[in-house]
Amino acid sequence: EAVLQIHITDAPKKTSNWWFVFNGKERPDVGYLDPSLDVDLYIETNLSSLTKVWLGEGSHTSEAKGNSFQLEGSQKLIETFESWFGSSKFASIPKLAIAS
């Protein structure tokens, strides 16, 4: 079992924290109510940076340079973050050129 907590710094307080509980199922249990479990990896970020990472427009390391995507916790989870965090199915779609 592994627990991930994401704190979105610019979200409304009620929905600024999200927990993902990975317990061997195909998909994690996800919710905004604290499951009262020890957190293995804590992410503090703003919505813009989280979206960039999820859409493949930036990496967590590039966003961290501006202090807008911070990881704390299990060193193994931090080192392998890019391989397991995943991305949107839209991340692989090429960006459209905007005609001017």
C-alpha atoms as a PDB file:
ATOM      1  CA  GLU A   1       0.000   0.000   0.000  1.00  0.00           C
ATOM      2  CA  ALA A   2       1.170   3.515  -0.789  1.00  0.00           C
ATOM      3  CA  VAL A   3      -0.483   6.843  -0.046  1.00  0.00           C
ATOM      4  CA  LEU A   4      -0.008   9.991  -2.122  1.00  0.00           C
ATOM      5  CA  GLN A   5      -1.292  13.382  -0.986  1.00  0.00           C
ATOM      6  CA  ILE A   6      -1.501  16.312  -3.388  1.00  0.00           C
ATOM      7  CA  HIS A   7      -1.949  19.803  -1.949  1.00  0.00           C
ATOM      8  CA  ILE A   8      -3.062  22.269  -4.615  1.00  0.00           C
ATOM      9  CA  THR A   9      -2.049  25.625  -3.179  1.00  0.00           C
ATOM     10  CA  ASP A  10      -4.409  27.809  -5.210  1.00  0.00           C
ATOM     11  CA  ALA A  11      -7.530  25.626  -4.926  1.00  0.00           C
ATOM     12  CA  PRO A  12     -10.405  26.361  -2.528  1.00  0.00           C
ATOM     13  CA  LYS A  13      -9.559  25.060   0.947  1.00  0.00           C
ATOM     14  CA  LYS A  14     -12.229  22.328   0.892  1.00  0.00           C
ATOM     15  CA  THR A  15     -10.777  20.771  -2.262  1.00  0.00           C
ATOM     16  CA  SER A  16      -7.111  21.725  -1.953  1.00  0.00           C
ATOM     17  CA  ASN A  17      -5.994  18.307  -0.659  1.00  0.00           C
ATOM     18  CA  TRP A  18      -6.422  15.019  -2.511  1.00  0.00           C
ATOM     19  CA  TRP A  19      -5.367  11.568  -1.376  1.00  0.00           C
ATOM     20  CA  PHE A  20      -4.606   8.593  -3.616  1.00  0.00           C
ATOM     21  CA  VAL A  21      -4.454   5.218  -1.875  1.00  0.00           C
ATOM     22  CA  PHE A  22      -2.727   2.544  -3.948  1.00  0.00           C
ATOM     23  CA  ASN A  23      -3.574  -0.850  -2.500  1.00  0.00           C
ATOM     24  CA  GLY A  24      -2.974  -3.362  -5.270  1.00  0.00           C
ATOM     25  CA  LYS A  25      -6.155  -2.608  -7.187  1.00  0.00           C
ATOM     26  CA  GLU A  26      -6.025  -1.621 -10.827  1.00  0.00           C
ATOM     27  CA  ARG A  27      -6.868   1.974  -9.868  1.00  0.00           C
ATOM     28  CA  PRO A  28      -6.199   3.879  -6.658  1.00  0.00           C
ATOM     29  CA  ASP A  29      -8.896   5.036  -4.283  1.00  0.00           C
ATOM     30  CA  VAL A  30      -9.085   8.821  -4.679  1.00  0.00           C
ATOM     31  CA  GLY A  31     -10.753  11.413  -2.497  1.00  0.00           C
ATOM     32  CA  TYR A  32     -10.537  14.775  -0.777  1.00  0.00           C
ATOM     33  CA  LEU A  33     -11.266  13.364   2.687  1.00  0.00           C
ATOM     34  CA  ASP A  34      -8.181  12.492   4.727  1.00  0.00           C
ATOM     35  CA  PRO A  35      -8.017   8.675   4.993  1.00  0.00           C
ATOM     36  CA  SER A  36      -5.938   9.012   8.198  1.00  0.00           C
ATOM     37  CA  LEU A  37      -3.090   6.946   6.744  1.00  0.00           C
ATOM     38  CA  ASP A  38       0.621   7.715   6.730  1.00  0.00           C
ATOM     39  CA  VAL A  39       1.510   9.611   3.546  1.00  0.00           C
ATOM     40  CA  ASP A  40       4.348   8.096   1.501  1.00  0.00           C
ATOM     41  CA  LEU A  41       4.634  10.974  -0.958  1.00  0.00           C
ATOM     42  CA  TYR A  42       3.422  14.547  -0.506  1.00  0.00           C
ATOM     43  CA  ILE A  43       3.135  16.876  -3.498  1.00  0.00           C
ATOM     44  CA  GLU A  44       2.654  20.611  -3.073  1.00  0.00           C
ATOM     45  CA  THR A  45       1.865  22.431  -6.288  1.00  0.00           C
ATOM     46  CA  ASN A  46      -0.394  24.947  -7.930  1.00  0.00           C
ATOM     47  CA  LEU A  47      -3.046  23.926 -10.438  1.00  0.00           C
ATOM     48  CA  SER A  48      -1.145  25.321 -13.416  1.00  0.00           C
ATOM     49  CA  SER A  49       1.997  23.292 -12.678  1.00  0.00           C
ATOM     50  CA  LEU A  50       0.034  20.126 -11.932  1.00  0.00           C
ATOM     51  CA  THR A  51      -1.790  20.528 -15.247  1.00  0.00           C
ATOM     52  CA  LYS A  52       1.470  21.082 -17.167  1.00  0.00           C
ATOM     53  CA  VAL A  53       2.989  17.921 -15.701  1.00  0.00           C
ATOM     54  CA  TRP A  54      -0.162  15.873 -16.316  1.00  0.00           C
ATOM     55  CA  LEU A  55      -0.462  17.086 -19.923  1.00  0.00           C
ATOM     56  CA  GLY A  56       3.224  16.457 -20.604  1.00  0.00           C
ATOM     57  CA  GLU A  57       3.949  20.160 -21.169  1.00  0.00           C
ATOM     58  CA  GLY A  58       6.540  20.128 -18.397  1.00  0.00           C
ATOM     59  CA  SER A  59       8.239  17.713 -16.050  1.00  0.00           C
ATOM     60  CA  HIS A  60       8.072  17.778 -12.286  1.00  0.00           C
ATOM     61  CA  THR A  61      11.765  18.735 -12.260  1.00  0.00           C
ATOM     62  CA  SER A  62      11.244  21.709 -14.597  1.00  0.00           C
ATOM     63  CA  GLU A  63       8.252  22.906 -12.562  1.00  0.00           C
ATOM     64  CA  ALA A  64      10.197  22.420  -9.310  1.00  0.00           C
ATOM     65  CA  LYS A  65      12.820  24.926 -10.482  1.00  0.00           C
ATOM     66  CA  GLY A  66      10.216  27.648  -9.970  1.00  0.00           C
ATOM     67  CA  ASN A  67       9.202  26.164  -6.600  1.00  0.00           C
ATOM     68  CA  SER A  68       5.755  25.381  -7.978  1.00  0.00           C
ATOM     69  CA  PHE A  69       5.952  21.561  -7.795  1.00  0.00           C
ATOM     70  CA  GLN A  70       7.528  20.119  -4.666  1.00  0.00           C
ATOM     71  CA  LEU A  71       7.830  16.437  -3.736  1.00  0.00           C
ATOM     72  CA  GLU A  72       8.507  15.210  -0.194  1.00  0.00           C
ATOM     73  CA  GLY A  73       8.633  11.693   1.157  1.00  0.00           C
ATOM     74  CA  SER A  74       9.806   8.335  -0.144  1.00  0.00           C
ATOM     75  CA  GLN A  75      13.030   8.785  -2.118  1.00  0.00           C
ATOM     76  CA  LYS A  76      12.145   5.778  -4.275  1.00  0.00           C
ATOM     77  CA  LEU A  77       8.781   7.297  -5.242  1.00  0.00           C
ATOM     78  CA  ILE A  78      10.434  10.645  -5.984  1.00  0.00           C
ATOM     79  CA  GLU A  79      13.150   9.067  -8.162  1.00  0.00           C
ATOM     80  CA  THR A  80      10.613   7.038 -10.155  1.00  0.00           C
ATOM     81  CA  PHE A  81       7.892   9.711 -10.239  1.00  0.00           C
ATOM     82  CA  GLU A  82       7.869  10.255 -14.019  1.00  0.00           C
ATOM     83  CA  SER A  83       7.443   6.514 -14.671  1.00  0.00           C
ATOM     84  CA  TRP A  84       4.405   5.918 -12.451  1.00  0.00           C
ATOM     85  CA  PHE A  85       2.593   9.278 -12.201  1.00  0.00           C
ATOM     86  CA  GLY A  86       1.159   8.940 -15.666  1.00  0.00           C
ATOM     87  CA  SER A  87      -0.274  11.575 -17.911  1.00  0.00           C
ATOM     88  CA  SER A  88      -3.443  12.507 -19.688  1.00  0.00           C
ATOM     89  CA  LYS A  89      -4.374  10.562 -22.808  1.00  0.00           C
ATOM     90  CA  PHE A  90      -4.240  13.969 -24.500  1.00  0.00           C
ATOM     91  CA  ALA A  91      -0.554  14.437 -23.631  1.00  0.00           C
ATOM     92  CA  SER A  92       0.571  12.573 -26.752  1.00  0.00           C
ATOM     93  CA  ILE A  93      -1.505  14.703 -29.135  1.00  0.00           C
ATOM     94  CA  PRO A  94       0.695  17.224 -30.955  1.00  0.00           C
ATOM     95  CA  LYS A  95       0.021  20.866 -30.198  1.00  0.00           C
ATOM     96  CA  LEU A  96      -1.817  22.710 -32.934  1.00  0.00           C
ATOM     97  CA  ALA A  97      -0.113  25.723 -34.414  1.00  0.00           C
ATOM     98  CA  ILE A  98      -2.138  28.862 -33.846  1.00  0.00           C
ATOM     99  CA  ALA A  99      -2.463  30.837 -37.062  1.00  0.00           C
ATOM    100  CA  SER A 100      -1.793  34.518 -36.674  1.00  0.00           C
END
